[in-house]
All heavy atoms as atom14 arrays in JSON, in Angstrom:
{
  "sequence": "PNKQYYLASCGDDCKVKFWDTRNVTEPVKTLEEHS",
  "atom14_mask": [
    [1, 1, 1, 1, 1, 1, 1, 0, 0, 0, 0, 0, 0, 0],
    [1, 1, 1, 1, 1, 1, 1, 1, 0, 0, 0, 0, 0, 0],
    [1, 1, 1, 1, 1, 1, 1, 1, 1, 0, 0, 0, 0, 0],
    [1, 1, 1, 1, 1, 1, 1, 1, 1, 0, 0, 0, 0, 0],
    [1, 1, 1, 1, 1, 1, 1, 1, 1, 1, 1, 1, 0, 0],
    [1, 1, 1, 1, 1, 1, 1, 1, 1, 1, 1, 1, 0, 0],
    [1, 1, 1, 1, 1, 1, 1, 1, 0, 0, 0, 0, 0, 0],
    [1, 1, 1, 1, 1, 0, 0, 0, 0, 0, 0, 0, 0, 0],
    [1, 1, 1, 1, 1, 1, 0, 0, 0, 0, 0, 0, 0, 0],
    [1, 1, 1, 1, 1, 1, 0, 0, 0, 0, 0, 0, 0, 0],
    [1, 1, 1, 1, 0, 0, 0, 0, 0, 0, 0, 0, 0, 0],
    [1, 1, 1, 1, 1, 1, 1, 1, 0, 0, 0, 0, 0, 0],
    [1, 1, 1, 1, 1, 1, 1, 1, 0, 0, 0, 0, 0, 0],
    [1, 1, 1, 1, 1, 1, 0, 0, 0, 0, 0, 0, 0, 0],
    [1, 1, 1, 1, 1, 1, 1, 1, 1, 0, 0, 0, 0, 0],
    [1, 1, 1, 1, 1, 1, 1, 0, 0, 0, 0, 0, 0, 0],
    [1, 1, 1, 1, 1, 1, 1, 1, 1, 0, 0, 0, 0, 0],
    [1, 1, 1, 1, 1, 1, 1, 1, 1, 1, 1, 0, 0, 0],
    [1, 1, 1, 1, 1, 1, 1, 1, 1, 1, 1, 1, 1, 1],
    [1, 1, 1, 1, 1, 1, 1, 1, 0, 0, 0, 0, 0, 0],
    [1, 1, 1, 1, 1, 1, 1, 0, 0, 0, 0, 0, 0, 0],
    [1, 1, 1, 1, 1, 1, 1, 1, 1, 1, 1, 0, 0, 0],
    [1, 1, 1, 1, 1, 1, 1, 1, 0, 0, 0, 0, 0, 0],
    [1, 1, 1, 1, 1, 1, 1, 0, 0, 0, 0, 0, 0, 0],
    [1, 1, 1, 1, 1, 1, 1, 0, 0, 0, 0, 0, 0, 0],
    [1, 1, 1, 1, 1, 1, 1, 1, 1, 0, 0, 0, 0, 0],
    [1, 1, 1, 1, 1, 1, 1, 0, 0, 0, 0, 0, 0, 0],
    [1, 1, 1, 1, 1, 1, 1, 0, 0, 0, 0, 0, 0, 0],
    [1, 1, 1, 1, 1, 1, 1, 1, 1, 0, 0, 0, 0, 0],
    [1, 1, 1, 1, 1, 1, 1, 0, 0, 0, 0, 0, 0, 0],
    [1, 1, 1, 1, 1, 1, 1, 1, 0, 0, 0, 0, 0, 0],
    [1, 1, 1, 1, 1, 1, 1, 1, 1, 0, 0, 0, 0, 0],
    [1, 1, 1, 1, 1, 1, 1, 1, 1, 0, 0, 0, 0, 0],
    [1, 1, 1, 1, 1, 1, 1, 1, 1, 1, 0, 0, 0, 0],
    [1, 1, 1, 1, 1, 1, 0, 0, 0, 0, 0, 0, 0, 0]
  ],
  "atom14_positions": [
    [[0.8, -1.23, 0.0], [0.0, 0.0, 0.0], [0.83, 1.28, 0.0], [0.32, 2.35, -0.33], [-0.82, -0.11, 1.29], [0.02, -0.98, 2.19], [0.7, -1.95, 1.28], [0.0, 0.0, 0.0], [0.0, 0.0, 0.0], [0.0, 0.0, 0.0], [0.0, 0.0, 0.0], [0.0, 0.0, 0.0], [0.0, 0.0, 0.0], [0.0, 0.0, 0.0]],
    [[2.13, 1.17, 0.36], [2.97, 2.36, 0.48], [4.09, 2.46, -0.55], [4.64, 3.54, -0.75], [3.6, 2.42, 1.88], [2.56, 2.5, 2.98], [1.49, 3.06, 2.78], [2.86, 1.94, 4.13], [0.0, 0.0, 0.0], [0.0, 0.0, 0.0], [0.0, 0.0, 0.0], [0.0, 0.0, 0.0], [0.0, 0.0, 0.0], [0.0, 0.0, 0.0]],
    [[4.44, 1.34, -1.19], [5.51, 1.36, -2.19], [4.9, 0.94, -3.53], [4.53, -0.21, -3.72], [6.64, 0.41, -1.78], [7.34, 0.84, -0.51], [8.54, -0.05, -0.18], [9.72, 0.27, -1.07], [10.93, -0.48, -0.65], [0.0, 0.0, 0.0], [0.0, 0.0, 0.0], [0.0, 0.0, 0.0], [0.0, 0.0, 0.0], [0.0, 0.0, 0.0]],
    [[4.84, 1.89, -4.47], [3.99, 1.72, -5.63], [4.4, 0.61, -6.6], [3.57, 0.11, -7.36], [3.88, 3.05, -6.39], [5.19, 3.59, -6.9], [5.01, 4.9, -7.66], [3.98, 5.11, -8.28], [5.99, 5.78, -7.59], [0.0, 0.0, 0.0], [0.0, 0.0, 0.0], [0.0, 0.0, 0.0], [0.0, 0.0, 0.0], [0.0, 0.0, 0.0]],
    [[5.65, 0.19, -6.58], [6.08, -0.83, -7.54], [6.19, -2.23, -6.92], [6.61, -3.16, -7.58], [7.41, -0.44, -8.17], [7.33, 0.84, -8.97], [7.88, 2.03, -8.49], [6.67, 0.87, -10.2], [7.78, 3.21, -9.22], [6.57, 2.05, -10.94], [7.13, 3.21, -10.44], [7.03, 4.37, -11.16], [0.0, 0.0, 0.0], [0.0, 0.0, 0.0]],
    [[5.82, -2.36, -5.66], [6.03, -3.64, -4.98], [4.74, -4.48, -4.92], [3.68, -4.0, -4.54], [6.57, -3.4, -3.57], [8.08, -3.22, -3.57], [8.67, -2.14, -4.23], [8.91, -4.14, -2.95], [10.04, -1.98, -4.27], [10.3, -3.99, -2.97], [10.86, -2.9, -3.63], [12.22, -2.76, -3.67], [0.0, 0.0, 0.0], [0.0, 0.0, 0.0]],
    [[4.91, -5.75, -5.3], [3.79, -6.68, -5.43], [4.18, -8.01, -4.79], [5.31, -8.47, -4.96], [3.49, -6.87, -6.92], [2.5, -7.95, -7.34], [1.08, -7.54, -6.97], [2.59, -8.19, -8.85], [0.0, 0.0, 0.0], [0.0, 0.0, 0.0], [0.0, 0.0, 0.0], [0.0, 0.0, 0.0], [0.0, 0.0, 0.0], [0.0, 0.0, 0.0]],
    [[3.26, -8.6, -4.05], [3.5, -9.92, -3.44], [2.65, -10.96, -4.17], [1.53, -10.67, -4.58], [3.14, -9.9, -1.96], [0.0, 0.0, 0.0], [0.0, 0.0, 0.0], [0.0, 0.0, 0.0], [0.0, 0.0, 0.0], [0.0, 0.0, 0.0], [0.0, 0.0, 0.0], [0.0, 0.0, 0.0], [0.0, 0.0, 0.0], [0.0, 0.0, 0.0]],
    [[3.19, -12.17, -4.31], [2.45, -13.27, -4.92], [2.69, -14.54, -4.12], [3.7, -14.67, -3.42], [2.89, -13.47, -6.38], [4.25, -13.86, -6.44], [0.0, 0.0, 0.0], [0.0, 0.0, 0.0], [0.0, 0.0, 0.0], [0.0, 0.0, 0.0], [0.0, 0.0, 0.0], [0.0, 0.0, 0.0], [0.0, 0.0, 0.0], [0.0, 0.0, 0.0]],
    [[1.77, -15.48, -4.23], [1.94, -16.76, -3.54], [1.33, -17.86, -4.38], [0.5, -17.58, -5.27], [1.32, -16.75, -2.15], [-0.47, -16.47, -2.14], [0.0, 0.0, 0.0], [0.0, 0.0, 0.0], [0.0, 0.0, 0.0], [0.0, 0.0, 0.0], [0.0, 0.0, 0.0], [0.0, 0.0, 0.0], [0.0, 0.0, 0.0], [0.0, 0.0, 0.0]],
    [[1.73, -19.11, -4.14], [1.22, -20.17, -5.0], [1.41, -21.57, -4.48], [1.79, -21.79, -3.32], [0.0, 0.0, 0.0], [0.0, 0.0, 0.0], [0.0, 0.0, 0.0], [0.0, 0.0, 0.0], [0.0, 0.0, 0.0], [0.0, 0.0, 0.0], [0.0, 0.0, 0.0], [0.0, 0.0, 0.0], [0.0, 0.0, 0.0], [0.0, 0.0, 0.0]],
    [[1.18, -22.52, -5.38], [1.2, -23.93, -5.03], [2.62, -24.49, -4.87], [2.78, -25.67, -4.55], [0.46, -24.75, -6.09], [-1.05, -24.58, -6.0], [-1.5, -23.79, -5.13], [-1.78, -25.21, -6.78], [0.0, 0.0, 0.0], [0.0, 0.0, 0.0], [0.0, 0.0, 0.0], [0.0, 0.0, 0.0], [0.0, 0.0, 0.0], [0.0, 0.0, 0.0]],
    [[3.63, -23.67, -5.11], [5.01, -24.11, -4.87], [5.43, -23.84, -3.42], [6.61, -23.96, -3.08], [5.98, -23.44, -5.84], [5.96, -21.91, -5.76], [5.18, -21.37, -4.93], [6.7, -21.26, -6.52], [0.0, 0.0, 0.0], [0.0, 0.0, 0.0], [0.0, 0.0, 0.0], [0.0, 0.0, 0.0], [0.0, 0.0, 0.0], [0.0, 0.0, 0.0]],
    [[4.45, -23.48, -2.57], [4.66, -23.24, -1.13], [5.42, -21.93, -0.84], [5.83, -21.72, 0.31], [5.4, -24.4, -0.44], [4.79, -26.02, -0.87], [0.0, 0.0, 0.0], [0.0, 0.0, 0.0], [0.0, 0.0, 0.0], [0.0, 0.0, 0.0], [0.0, 0.0, 0.0], [0.0, 0.0, 0.0], [0.0, 0.0, 0.0], [0.0, 0.0, 0.0]],
    [[5.58, -21.09, -1.83], [6.39, -19.88, -1.65], [5.56, -18.6, -1.72], [4.51, -18.55, -2.36], [7.49, -19.81, -2.73], [8.5, -20.94, -2.64], [9.51, -20.87, -3.76], [10.48, -22.05, -3.7], [11.43, -22.03, -4.83], [0.0, 0.0, 0.0], [0.0, 0.0, 0.0], [0.0, 0.0, 0.0], [0.0, 0.0, 0.0], [0.0, 0.0, 0.0]],
    [[6.08, -17.57, -1.04], [5.56, -16.21, -1.16], [6.7, -15.39, -1.74], [7.82, -15.43, -1.23], [5.14, -15.63, 0.21], [4.6, -14.22, 0.04], [4.1, -16.52, 0.87], [0.0, 0.0, 0.0], [0.0, 0.0, 0.0], [0.0, 0.0, 0.0], [0.0, 0.0, 0.0], [0.0, 0.0, 0.0], [0.0, 0.0, 0.0], [0.0, 0.0, 0.0]],
    [[6.42, -14.66, -2.82], [7.48, -13.88, -3.47], [7.09, -12.41, -3.54], [5.92, -12.07, -3.69], [7.76, -14.42, -4.88], [8.31, -15.84, -4.88], [8.7, -16.29, -6.28], [9.28, -17.69, -6.26], [9.72, -18.12, -7.61], [0.0, 0.0, 0.0], [0.0, 0.0, 0.0], [0.0, 0.0, 0.0], [0.0, 0.0, 0.0], [0.0, 0.0, 0.0]],
    [[8.11, -11.57, -3.44], [7.92, -10.12, -3.49], [8.65, -9.59, -4.71], [9.83, -9.87, -4.9], [8.45, -9.48, -2.2], [7.75, -9.97, -0.96], [8.22, -11.1, -0.3], [6.62, -9.34, -0.48], [7.56, -11.58, 0.83], [5.95, -9.81, 0.64], [6.43, -10.94, 1.3], [0.0, 0.0, 0.0], [0.0, 0.0, 0.0], [0.0, 0.0, 0.0]],
    [[7.93, -8.81, -5.52], [8.44, -8.34, -6.81], [8.5, -6.82, -6.87], [7.66, -6.14, -6.29], [7.54, -8.83, -7.94], [7.31, -10.3, -7.96], [6.29, -10.98, -7.34], [8.11, -11.29, -8.62], [6.41, -12.32, -7.59], [7.51, -12.55, -8.36], [9.26, -11.22, -9.4], [8.03, -13.74, -8.87], [9.78, -12.41, -9.91], [9.18, -13.65, -9.64]],
    [[9.49, -6.32, -7.59], [9.52, -4.92, -8.01], [9.12, -4.94, -9.48], [9.85, -5.49, -10.31], [10.94, -4.34, -7.83], [11.02, -2.87, -8.19], [10.19, -2.39, -8.99], [11.93, -2.19, -7.69], [0.0, 0.0, 0.0], [0.0, 0.0, 0.0], [0.0, 0.0, 0.0], [0.0, 0.0, 0.0], [0.0, 0.0, 0.0], [0.0, 0.0, 0.0]],
    [[7.96, -4.38, -9.81], [7.43, -4.52, -11.16], [8.24, -3.77, -12.22], [7.99, -3.91, -13.41], [5.96, -4.07, -11.23], [5.86, -2.7, -10.79], [5.09, -4.94, -10.33], [0.0, 0.0, 0.0], [0.0, 0.0, 0.0], [0.0, 0.0, 0.0], [0.0, 0.0, 0.0], [0.0, 0.0, 0.0], [0.0, 0.0, 0.0], [0.0, 0.0, 0.0]],
    [[9.24, -2.98, -11.78], [10.12, -2.31, -12.76], [11.19, -3.26, -13.26], [11.8, -3.02, -14.3], [10.76, -1.08, -12.11], [9.77, 0.02, -11.75], [10.39, 1.04, -10.84], [10.79, 0.46, -9.55], [11.29, 1.16, -8.54], [11.48, 2.47, -8.68], [11.62, 0.57, -7.41], [0.0, 0.0, 0.0], [0.0, 0.0, 0.0], [0.0, 0.0, 0.0]],
    [[11.46, -4.33, -12.5], [12.47, -5.31, -12.9], [11.98, -6.68, -12.43], [12.18, -7.06, -11.28], [13.82, -4.96, -12.28], [14.89, -5.97, -12.64], [14.7, -6.8, -13.53], [16.02, -5.92, -11.96], [0.0, 0.0, 0.0], [0.0, 0.0, 0.0], [0.0, 0.0, 0.0], [0.0, 0.0, 0.0], [0.0, 0.0, 0.0], [0.0, 0.0, 0.0]],
    [[11.36, -7.41, -13.33], [10.67, -8.64, -12.92], [11.48, -9.91, -13.21], [10.94, -11.02, -13.18], [9.29, -8.73, -13.61], [8.39, -7.61, -13.13], [9.43, -8.71, -15.14], [0.0, 0.0, 0.0], [0.0, 0.0, 0.0], [0.0, 0.0, 0.0], [0.0, 0.0, 0.0], [0.0, 0.0, 0.0], [0.0, 0.0, 0.0], [0.0, 0.0, 0.0]],
    [[12.78, -9.77, -13.45], [13.59, -10.95, -13.76], [13.78, -11.85, -12.53], [13.83, -13.06, -12.64], [14.97, -10.55, -14.3], [15.57, -9.6, -13.4], [14.85, -9.92, -15.68], [0.0, 0.0, 0.0], [0.0, 0.0, 0.0], [0.0, 0.0, 0.0], [0.0, 0.0, 0.0], [0.0, 0.0, 0.0], [0.0, 0.0, 0.0], [0.0, 0.0, 0.0]],
    [[13.87, -11.23, -11.35], [14.05, -11.99, -10.11], [13.2, -11.36, -9.01], [13.06, -10.14, -8.95], [15.52, -11.95, -9.66], [16.48, -12.77, -10.51], [16.31, -14.26, -10.32], [15.86, -14.68, -9.23], [16.6, -15.0, -11.27], [0.0, 0.0, 0.0], [0.0, 0.0, 0.0], [0.0, 0.0, 0.0], [0.0, 0.0, 0.0], [0.0, 0.0, 0.0]],
    [[12.66, -12.19, -8.08], [11.94, -11.59, -6.95], [12.9, -10.85, -6.02], [14.08, -11.21, -5.93], [11.32, -12.81, -6.25], [12.15, -13.98, -6.67], [12.65, -13.66, -8.04], [0.0, 0.0, 0.0], [0.0, 0.0, 0.0], [0.0, 0.0, 0.0], [0.0, 0.0, 0.0], [0.0, 0.0, 0.0], [0.0, 0.0, 0.0], [0.0, 0.0, 0.0]],
    [[12.39, -9.83, -5.37], [13.21, -9.07, -4.42], [13.48, -9.91, -3.17], [14.57, -9.91, -2.62], [12.48, -7.76, -4.02], [13.32, -6.94, -3.05], [12.16, -6.93, -5.25], [0.0, 0.0, 0.0], [0.0, 0.0, 0.0], [0.0, 0.0, 0.0], [0.0, 0.0, 0.0], [0.0, 0.0, 0.0], [0.0, 0.0, 0.0], [0.0, 0.0, 0.0]],
    [[12.45, -10.65, -2.74], [12.56, -11.53, -1.57], [11.65, -12.73, -1.79], [10.66, -12.66, -2.52], [12.1, -10.82, -0.29], [13.07, -9.78, 0.25], [14.1, -10.42, 1.17], [15.06, -9.38, 1.72], [16.05, -9.97, 2.62], [0.0, 0.0, 0.0], [0.0, 0.0, 0.0], [0.0, 0.0, 0.0], [0.0, 0.0, 0.0], [0.0, 0.0, 0.0]],
    [[12.0, -13.84, -1.13], [11.16, -15.04, -1.18], [11.0, -15.6, 0.23], [11.98, -15.71, 0.97], [11.78, -16.12, -2.09], [11.95, -15.58, -3.41], [10.88, -17.35, -2.17], [0.0, 0.0, 0.0], [0.0, 0.0, 0.0], [0.0, 0.0, 0.0], [0.0, 0.0, 0.0], [0.0, 0.0, 0.0], [0.0, 0.0, 0.0], [0.0, 0.0, 0.0]],
    [[9.77, -15.94, 0.58], [9.48, -16.59, 1.86], [9.16, -18.05, 1.6], [8.35, -18.37, 0.72], [8.26, -15.94, 2.52], [8.47, -14.72, 3.41], [7.12, -14.22, 3.89], [9.34, -15.04, 4.6], [0.0, 0.0, 0.0], [0.0, 0.0, 0.0], [0.0, 0.0, 0.0], [0.0, 0.0, 0.0], [0.0, 0.0, 0.0], [0.0, 0.0, 0.0]],
    [[9.77, -18.94, 2.36], [9.54, -20.38, 2.18], [9.2, -21.03, 3.51], [9.78, -22.04, 3.88], [10.76, -21.03, 1.54], [11.11, -20.46, 0.18], [12.26, -21.17, -0.49], [12.25, -22.42, -0.53], [13.19, -20.5, -0.96], [0.0, 0.0, 0.0], [0.0, 0.0, 0.0], [0.0, 0.0, 0.0], [0.0, 0.0, 0.0], [0.0, 0.0, 0.0]],
    [[8.24, -20.46, 4.22], [7.9, -20.95, 5.56], [6.76, -21.96, 5.57], [6.59, -22.69, 6.53], [7.52, -19.76, 6.46], [8.63, -18.73, 6.63], [9.86, -19.29, 7.32], [9.71, -20.23, 8.12], [10.97, -18.82, 7.04], [0.0, 0.0, 0.0], [0.0, 0.0, 0.0], [0.0, 0.0, 0.0], [0.0, 0.0, 0.0], [0.0, 0.0, 0.0]],
    [[5.96, -21.99, 4.49], [4.83, -22.92, 4.45], [5.26, -24.26, 3.84], [6.2, -24.32, 3.04], [3.68, -22.32, 3.64], [2.94, -21.24, 4.37], [2.1, -21.5, 5.44], [2.9, -19.89, 4.19], [1.57, -20.37, 5.88], [2.05, -19.37, 5.14], [0.0, 0.0, 0.0], [0.0, 0.0, 0.0], [0.0, 0.0, 0.0], [0.0, 0.0, 0.0]],
    [[4.53, -25.31, 4.19], [4.87, -26.65, 3.71], [3.85, -27.17, 2.68], [3.94, -28.31, 2.25], [4.96, -27.64, 4.88], [3.74, -27.66, 5.6], [0.0, 0.0, 0.0], [0.0, 0.0, 0.0], [0.0, 0.0, 0.0], [0.0, 0.0, 0.0], [0.0, 0.0, 0.0], [0.0, 0.0, 0.0], [0.0, 0.0, 0.0], [0.0, 0.0, 0.0]]
  ]
}
């Protein structure tokens, strides 16, 4: 809500990823806490 280019996604690979939509080649951060 405060950083206009930042987007979070999650999926069936058990991961949560954080993206900068200006450079989408790699996620900025990845969370792998879920099983």
